Amino acid sequence: MHKYFDIGSVTVILITFLLFAVALFTKGLTHDILLEAGVLLVSIKLIMMAYRNTVFFREIIEEMKKLNDRLNKYD
């Protein structure tokens, strides 16, 4: 997990869950909690997208390194 998440991302995740828990206990199970749940889901989706992008770009960099090694092999 440390490979894909930096300290800033982990801090944002923890603060988001903490704020959601605080909102859950202060507002209770009212209509406003649906708004809080929506905000939590959007935050989770953004975190998942950032993770997927990190993995994708690492794979692209590895492929580019392989191509570069093959091209330099024939020099």
PDB file of N, CA and C in Angstrom:
ATOM      1  N   MET A   1       0.822  -1.186   0.000  1.00  0.00           N
ATOM      2  CA  MET A   1       0.000   0.000   0.000  1.00  0.00           C
ATOM      3  C   MET A   1       0.871   1.257   0.000  1.00  0.00           C
ATOM      4  N   HIS A   2       1.987   1.224   0.697  1.00  0.00           N
ATOM      5  CA  HIS A   2       2.865   2.380   0.776  1.00  0.00           C
ATOM      6  C   HIS A   2       3.421   2.730  -0.595  1.00  0.00           C
ATOM      7  N   LYS A   3       3.466   1.751  -1.485  1.00  0.00           N
ATOM      8  CA  LYS A   3       4.020   1.969  -2.802  1.00  0.00           C
ATOM      9  C   LYS A   3       3.133   2.892  -3.646  1.00  0.00           C
ATOM     10  N   TYR A   4       1.824   2.862  -3.414  1.00  0.00           N
ATOM     11  CA  TYR A   4       0.902   3.638  -4.235  1.00  0.00           C
ATOM     12  C   TYR A   4       0.334   4.857  -3.528  1.00  0.00           C
ATOM     13  N   PHE A   5       0.293   4.864  -2.200  1.00  0.00           N
ATOM     14  CA  PHE A   5      -0.277   5.980  -1.454  1.00  0.00           C
ATOM     15  C   PHE A   5       0.818   6.711  -0.713  1.00  0.00           C
ATOM     16  N   ASP A   6       0.886   8.024  -0.926  1.00  0.00           N
ATOM     17  CA  ASP A   6       1.831   8.821  -0.164  1.00  0.00           C
ATOM     18  C   ASP A   6       1.165   9.284   1.130  1.00  0.00           C
ATOM     19  N   ILE A   7       1.905   9.979   1.955  1.00  0.00           N
ATOM     20  CA  ILE A   7       1.392  10.391   3.261  1.00  0.00           C
ATOM     21  C   ILE A   7       0.227  11.363   3.110  1.00  0.00           C
ATOM     22  N   GLY A   8       0.234  12.170   2.067  1.00  0.00           N
ATOM     23  CA  GLY A   8      -0.864  13.104   1.831  1.00  0.00           C
ATOM     24  C   GLY A   8      -2.173  12.388   1.515  1.00  0.00           C
ATOM     25  N   SER A   9      -2.104  11.354   0.686  1.00  0.00           N
ATOM     26  CA  SER A   9      -3.306  10.593   0.332  1.00  0.00           C
ATOM     27  C   SER A   9      -3.878   9.870   1.547  1.00  0.00           C
ATOM     28  N   VAL A  10      -3.010   9.284   2.337  1.00  0.00           N
ATOM     29  CA  VAL A  10      -3.474   8.575   3.536  1.00  0.00           C
ATOM     30  C   VAL A  10      -4.097   9.564   4.525  1.00  0.00           C
ATOM     31  N   THR A  11      -3.507  10.748   4.641  1.00  0.00           N
ATOM     32  CA  THR A  11      -4.068  11.771   5.523  1.00  0.00           C
ATOM     33  C   THR A  11      -5.454  12.195   5.067  1.00  0.00           C
ATOM     34  N   VAL A  12      -5.629  12.401   3.763  1.00  0.00           N
ATOM     35  CA  VAL A  12      -6.941  12.788   3.224  1.00  0.00           C
ATOM     36  C   VAL A  12      -7.968  11.688   3.456  1.00  0.00           C
ATOM     37  N   ILE A  13      -7.573  10.438   3.271  1.00  0.00           N
ATOM     38  CA  ILE A  13      -8.483   9.314   3.500  1.00  0.00           C
ATOM     39  C   ILE A  13      -8.929   9.283   4.959  1.00  0.00           C
ATOM     40  N   LEU A  14      -7.988   9.411   5.872  1.00  0.00           N
ATOM     41  CA  LEU A  14      -8.327   9.378   7.294  1.00  0.00           C
ATOM     42  C   LEU A  14      -9.210  10.551   7.703  1.00  0.00           C
ATOM     43  N   ILE A  15      -8.912  11.741   7.205  1.00  0.00           N
ATOM     44  CA  ILE A  15      -9.733  12.904   7.535  1.00  0.00           C
ATOM     45  C   ILE A  15     -11.142  12.749   6.975  1.00  0.00           C
ATOM     46  N   THR A  16     -11.269  12.212   5.769  1.00  0.00           N
ATOM     47  CA  THR A  16     -12.588  12.008   5.159  1.00  0.00           C
ATOM     48  C   THR A  16     -13.422  11.047   5.995  1.00  0.00           C
ATOM     49  N   PHE A  17     -12.849   9.930   6.390  1.00  0.00           N
ATOM     50  CA  PHE A  17     -13.593   8.972   7.209  1.00  0.00           C
ATOM     51  C   PHE A  17     -13.910   9.539   8.591  1.00  0.00           C
ATOM     52  N   LEU A  18     -12.990  10.306   9.142  1.00  0.00           N
ATOM     53  CA  LEU A  18     -13.236  10.917  10.442  1.00  0.00           C
ATOM     54  C   LEU A  18     -14.389  11.920  10.374  1.00  0.00           C
ATOM     55  N   LEU A  19     -14.388  12.754   9.354  1.00  0.00           N
ATOM     56  CA  LEU A  19     -15.472  13.726   9.199  1.00  0.00           C
ATOM     57  C   LEU A  19     -16.810  13.043   8.937  1.00  0.00           C
ATOM     58  N   PHE A  20     -16.785  11.948   8.172  1.00  0.00           N
ATOM     59  CA  PHE A  20     -18.026  11.215   7.923  1.00  0.00           C
ATOM     60  C   PHE A  20     -18.558  10.627   9.229  1.00  0.00           C
ATOM     61  N   ALA A  21     -17.679  10.086  10.040  1.00  0.00           N
ATOM     62  CA  ALA A  21     -18.114   9.506  11.319  1.00  0.00           C
ATOM     63  C   ALA A  21     -18.671  10.581  12.242  1.00  0.00           C
ATOM     64  N   VAL A  22     -18.017  11.733  12.268  1.00  0.00           N
ATOM     65  CA  VAL A  22     -18.502  12.833  13.100  1.00  0.00           C
ATOM     66  C   VAL A  22     -19.874  13.293  12.616  1.00  0.00           C
ATOM     67  N   ALA A  23     -20.043  13.409  11.299  1.00  0.00           N
ATOM     68  CA  ALA A  23     -21.342  13.821  10.752  1.00  0.00           C
ATOM     69  C   ALA A  23     -22.417  12.783  11.059  1.00  0.00           C
ATOM     70  N   LEU A  24     -22.048  11.532  11.030  1.00  0.00           N
ATOM     71  CA  LEU A  24     -23.008  10.466  11.322  1.00  0.00           C
ATOM     72  C   LEU A  24     -23.507  10.561  12.760  1.00  0.00           C
ATOM     73  N   PHE A  25     -22.604  10.822  13.696  1.00  0.00           N
ATOM     74  CA  PHE A  25     -23.004  10.891  15.100  1.00  0.00           C
ATOM     75  C   PHE A  25     -23.684  12.217  15.464  1.00  0.00           C
ATOM     76  N   THR A  26     -23.325  13.303  14.788  1.00  0.00           N
ATOM     77  CA  THR A  26     -23.944  14.586  15.130  1.00  0.00           C
ATOM     78  C   THR A  26     -25.292  14.778  14.461  1.00  0.00           C
ATOM     79  N   LYS A  27     -25.438  14.282  13.237  1.00  0.00           N
ATOM     80  CA  LYS A  27     -26.696  14.469  12.515  1.00  0.00           C
ATOM     81  C   LYS A  27     -27.644  13.298  12.688  1.00  0.00           C
ATOM     82  N   GLY A  28     -27.114  12.163  13.044  1.00  0.00           N
ATOM     83  CA  GLY A  28     -27.955  10.979  13.173  1.00  0.00           C
ATOM     84  C   GLY A  28     -28.362  10.459  11.808  1.00  0.00           C
ATOM     85  N   LEU A  29     -29.337   9.594  11.800  1.00  0.00           N
ATOM     86  CA  LEU A  29     -29.797   8.999  10.539  1.00  0.00           C
ATOM     87  C   LEU A  29     -30.952   9.829   9.962  1.00  0.00           C
ATOM     88  N   THR A  30     -30.635  11.065   9.586  1.00  0.00           N
ATOM     89  CA  THR A  30     -31.639  11.947   9.002  1.00  0.00           C
ATOM     90  C   THR A  30     -31.393  12.091   7.511  1.00  0.00           C
ATOM     91  N   HIS A  31     -32.164  12.987   6.912  1.00  0.00           N
ATOM     92  CA  HIS A  31     -32.027  13.224   5.479  1.00  0.00           C
ATOM     93  C   HIS A  31     -30.635  13.764   5.131  1.00  0.00           C
ATOM     94  N   ASP A  32     -30.038  14.532   6.028  1.00  0.00           N
ATOM     95  CA  ASP A  32     -28.725  15.122   5.753  1.00  0.00           C
ATOM     96  C   ASP A  32     -27.625  14.076   5.654  1.00  0.00           C
ATOM     97  N   ILE A  33     -27.843  12.929   6.241  1.00  0.00           N
ATOM     98  CA  ILE A  33     -26.813  11.893   6.183  1.00  0.00           C
ATOM     99  C   ILE A  33     -26.659  11.358   4.760  1.00  0.00           C
ATOM    100  N   LEU A  34     -27.715  11.455   3.946  1.00  0.00           N
ATOM    101  CA  LEU A  34     -27.602  11.041   2.545  1.00  0.00           C
ATOM    102  C   LEU A  34     -26.617  11.942   1.797  1.00  0.00           C
ATOM    103  N   LEU A  35     -26.636  13.212   2.114  1.00  0.00           N
ATOM    104  CA  LEU A  35     -25.676  14.135   1.519  1.00  0.00           C
ATOM    105  C   LEU A  35     -24.258  13.780   1.957  1.00  0.00           C
ATOM    106  N   GLU A  36     -24.090  13.476   3.218  1.00  0.00           N
ATOM    107  CA  GLU A  36     -22.763  13.093   3.725  1.00  0.00           C
ATOM    108  C   GLU A  36     -22.288  11.795   3.081  1.00  0.00           C
ATOM    109  N   ALA A  37     -23.198  10.858   2.901  1.00  0.00           N
ATOM    110  CA  ALA A  37     -22.831   9.592   2.249  1.00  0.00           C
ATOM    111  C   ALA A  37     -22.425   9.837   0.798  1.00  0.00           C
ATOM    112  N   GLY A  38     -23.108  10.744   0.132  1.00  0.00           N
ATOM    113  CA  GLY A  38     -22.741  11.088  -1.238  1.00  0.00           C
ATOM    114  C   GLY A  38     -21.351  11.690  -1.315  1.00  0.00           C
ATOM    115  N   VAL A  39     -21.040  12.570  -0.382  1.00  0.00           N
ATOM    116  CA  VAL A  39     -19.709  13.177  -0.340  1.00  0.00           C
ATOM    117  C   VAL A  39     -18.654  12.100  -0.082  1.00  0.00           C
ATOM    118  N   LEU A  40     -18.954  11.168   0.820  1.00  0.00           N
ATOM    119  CA  LEU A  40     -18.016  10.077   1.103  1.00  0.00           C
ATOM    120  C   LEU A  40     -17.790   9.220  -0.137  1.00  0.00           C
ATOM    121  N   LEU A  41     -18.847   8.894  -0.855  1.00  0.00           N
ATOM    122  CA  LEU A  41     -18.707   8.065  -2.053  1.00  0.00           C
ATOM    123  C   LEU A  41     -17.912   8.773  -3.141  1.00  0.00           C
ATOM    124  N   VAL A  42     -18.114  10.069  -3.304  1.00  0.00           N
ATOM    125  CA  VAL A  42     -17.336  10.823  -4.283  1.00  0.00           C
ATOM    126  C   VAL A  42     -15.859  10.829  -3.886  1.00  0.00           C
ATOM    127  N   SER A  43     -15.595  10.998  -2.608  1.00  0.00           N
ATOM    128  CA  SER A  43     -14.203  10.985  -2.137  1.00  0.00           C
ATOM    129  C   SER A  43     -13.558   9.625  -2.384  1.00  0.00           C
ATOM    130  N   ILE A  44     -14.288   8.557  -2.107  1.00  0.00           N
ATOM    131  CA  ILE A  44     -13.758   7.214  -2.341  1.00  0.00           C
ATOM    132  C   ILE A  44     -13.494   6.989  -3.822  1.00  0.00           C
ATOM    133  N   LYS A  45     -14.400   7.465  -4.668  1.00  0.00           N
ATOM    134  CA  LYS A  45     -14.216   7.307  -6.116  1.00  0.00           C
ATOM    135  C   LYS A  45     -12.973   8.057  -6.584  1.00  0.00           C
ATOM    136  N   LEU A  46     -12.755   9.256  -6.074  1.00  0.00           N
ATOM    137  CA  LEU A  46     -11.555  10.007  -6.450  1.00  0.00           C
ATOM    138  C   LEU A  46     -10.285   9.301  -5.995  1.00  0.00           C
ATOM    139  N   ILE A  47     -10.317   8.727  -4.813  1.00  0.00           N
ATOM    140  CA  ILE A  47      -9.160   7.984  -4.310  1.00  0.00           C
ATOM    141  C   ILE A  47      -8.898   6.749  -5.169  1.00  0.00           C
ATOM    142  N   MET A  48      -9.970   6.047  -5.553  1.00  0.00           N
ATOM    143  CA  MET A  48      -9.820   4.868  -6.411  1.00  0.00           C
ATOM    144  C   MET A  48      -9.259   5.251  -7.781  1.00  0.00           C
ATOM    145  N   MET A  49      -9.717   6.379  -8.328  1.00  0.00           N
ATOM    146  CA  MET A  49      -9.201   6.830  -9.621  1.00  0.00           C
ATOM    147  C   MET A  49      -7.728   7.202  -9.528  1.00  0.00           C
ATOM    148  N   ALA A  50      -7.339   7.853  -8.446  1.00  0.00           N
ATOM    149  CA  ALA A  50      -5.931   8.220  -8.266  1.00  0.00           C
ATOM    150  C   ALA A  50      -5.065   6.971  -8.156  1.00  0.00           C
ATOM    151  N   TYR A  51      -5.555   5.965  -7.439  1.00  0.00           N
ATOM    152  CA  TYR A  51      -4.818   4.706  -7.313  1.00  0.00           C
ATOM    153  C   TYR A  51      -4.661   4.031  -8.673  1.00  0.00           C
ATOM    154  N   ARG A  52      -5.761   3.975  -9.426  1.00  0.00           N
ATOM    155  CA  ARG A  52      -5.724   3.332 -10.740  1.00  0.00           C
ATOM    156  C   ARG A  52      -4.767   4.060 -11.683  1.00  0.00           C
ATOM    157  N   ASN A  53      -4.769   5.397 -11.621  1.00  0.00           N
ATOM    158  CA  ASN A  53      -3.847   6.167 -12.451  1.00  0.00           C
ATOM    159  C   ASN A  53      -2.401   5.905 -12.082  1.00  0.00           C
ATOM    160  N   THR A  54      -2.120   5.782 -10.804  1.00  0.00           N
ATOM    161  CA  THR A  54      -0.760   5.495 -10.362  1.00  0.00           C
ATOM    162  C   THR A  54      -0.289   4.151 -10.893  1.00  0.00           C
ATOM    163  N   VAL A  55      -1.127   3.140 -10.790  1.00  0.00           N
ATOM    164  CA  VAL A  55      -0.772   1.815 -11.291  1.00  0.00           C
ATOM    165  C   VAL A  55      -0.576   1.856 -12.799  1.00  0.00           C
ATOM    166  N   PHE A  56      -1.477   2.540 -13.507  1.00  0.00           N
ATOM    167  CA  PHE A  56      -1.412   2.622 -14.957  1.00  0.00           C
ATOM    168  C   PHE A  56      -0.125   3.306 -15.408  1.00  0.00           C
ATOM    169  N   PHE A  57       0.218   4.426 -14.781  1.00  0.00           N
ATOM    170  CA  PHE A  57       1.419   5.146 -15.178  1.00  0.00           C
ATOM    171  C   PHE A  57       2.684   4.381 -14.838  1.00  0.00           C
ATOM    172  N   ARG A  58       2.672   3.622 -13.755  1.00  0.00           N
ATOM    173  CA  ARG A  58       3.842   2.785 -13.450  1.00  0.00           C
ATOM    174  C   ARG A  58       4.030   1.704 -14.518  1.00  0.00           C
ATOM    175  N   GLU A  59       2.934   1.135 -14.998  1.00  0.00           N
ATOM    176  CA  GLU A  59       3.025   0.127 -16.059  1.00  0.00           C
ATOM    177  C   GLU A  59       3.541   0.750 -17.348  1.00  0.00           C
ATOM    178  N   ILE A  60       3.077   1.952 -17.667  1.00  0.00           N
ATOM    179  CA  ILE A  60       3.542   2.631 -18.879  1.00  0.00           C
ATOM    180  C   ILE A  60       5.029   2.937 -18.779  1.00  0.00           C
ATOM    181  N   ILE A  61       5.473   3.399 -17.634  1.00  0.00           N
ATOM    182  CA  ILE A  61       6.894   3.704 -17.449  1.00  0.00           C
ATOM    183  C   ILE A  61       7.737   2.449 -17.605  1.00  0.00           C
ATOM    184  N   GLU A  62       7.274   1.324 -17.064  1.00  0.00           N
ATOM    185  CA  GLU A  62       8.014   0.068 -17.219  1.00  0.00           C
ATOM    186  C   GLU A  62       8.103  -0.342 -18.686  1.00  0.00           C
ATOM    187  N   GLU A  63       7.010  -0.206 -19.419  1.00  0.00           N
ATOM    188  CA  GLU A  63       7.025  -0.545 -20.852  1.00  0.00           C
ATOM    189  C   GLU A  63       7.966   0.381 -21.618  1.00  0.00           C
ATOM    190  N   MET A  64       7.968   1.672 -21.267  1.00  0.00           N
ATOM    191  CA  MET A  64       8.870   2.603 -21.939  1.00  0.00           C
ATOM    192  C   MET A  64      10.329   2.287 -21.636  1.00  0.00           C
ATOM    193  N   LYS A  65      10.610   1.852 -20.418  1.00  0.00           N
ATOM    194  CA  LYS A  65      11.979   1.461 -20.075  1.00  0.00           C
ATOM    195  C   LYS A  65      12.410   0.241 -20.887  1.00  0.00           C
ATOM    196  N   LYS A  66      11.491  -0.717 -21.035  1.00  0.00           N
ATOM    197  CA  LYS A  66      11.807  -1.902 -21.838  1.00  0.00           C
ATOM    198  C   LYS A  66      12.090  -1.519 -23.287  1.00  0.00           C
ATOM    199  N   LEU A  67      11.256  -0.644 -23.847  1.00  0.00           N
ATOM    200  CA  LEU A  67      11.469  -0.193 -25.223  1.00  0.00           C
ATOM    201  C   LEU A  67      12.793   0.557 -25.358  1.00  0.00           C
ATOM    202  N   ASN A  68      13.088   1.396 -24.391  1.00  0.00           N
ATOM    203  CA  ASN A  68      14.335   2.146 -24.419  1.00  0.00           C
ATOM    204  C   ASN A  68      15.538   1.209 -24.339  1.00  0.00           C
ATOM    205  N   ASP A  69      15.444   0.198 -23.510  1.00  0.00           N
ATOM    206  CA  ASP A  69      16.535  -0.775 -23.406  1.00  0.00           C
ATOM    207  C   ASP A  69      16.728  -1.520 -24.721  1.00  0.00           C
ATOM    208  N   ARG A  70      15.634  -1.890 -25.363  1.00  0.00           N
ATOM    209  CA  ARG A  70      15.732  -2.593 -26.653  1.00  0.00           C
ATOM    210  C   ARG A  70      16.351  -1.693 -27.733  1.00  0.00           C
ATOM    211  N   LEU A  71      15.949  -0.431 -27.749  1.00  0.00           N
ATOM    212  CA  LEU A  71      16.502   0.504 -28.736  1.00  0.00           C
ATOM    213  C   LEU A  71      17.983   0.769 -28.479  1.00  0.00           C
ATOM    214  N   ASN A  72      18.354   0.893 -27.224  1.00  0.00           N
ATOM    215  CA  ASN A  72      19.772   1.147 -26.895  1.00  0.00           C
ATOM    216  C   ASN A  72      20.632  -0.087 -27.072  1.00  0.00           C
ATOM    217  N   LYS A  73      20.024  -1.249 -27.095  1.00  0.00           N
ATOM    218  CA  LYS A  73      20.752  -2.501 -27.259  1.00  0.00           C
ATOM    219  C   LYS A  73      21.437  -2.572 -28.618  1.00  0.00           C
ATOM    220  N   TYR A  74      20.823  -1.970 -29.640  1.00  0.00           N
ATOM    221  CA  TYR A  74      21.338  -2.062 -30.998  1.00  0.00           C
ATOM    222  C   TYR A  74      22.270  -0.901 -31.365  1.00  0.00           C
ATOM    223  N   ASP A  75      22.518  -0.002 -30.416  1.00  0.00           N
ATOM    224  CA  ASP A  75      23.435   1.116 -30.725  1.00  0.00           C
ATOM    225  C   ASP A  75      24.872   0.703 -30.655  1.00  0.00           C
TER     226      ASP A  75
END
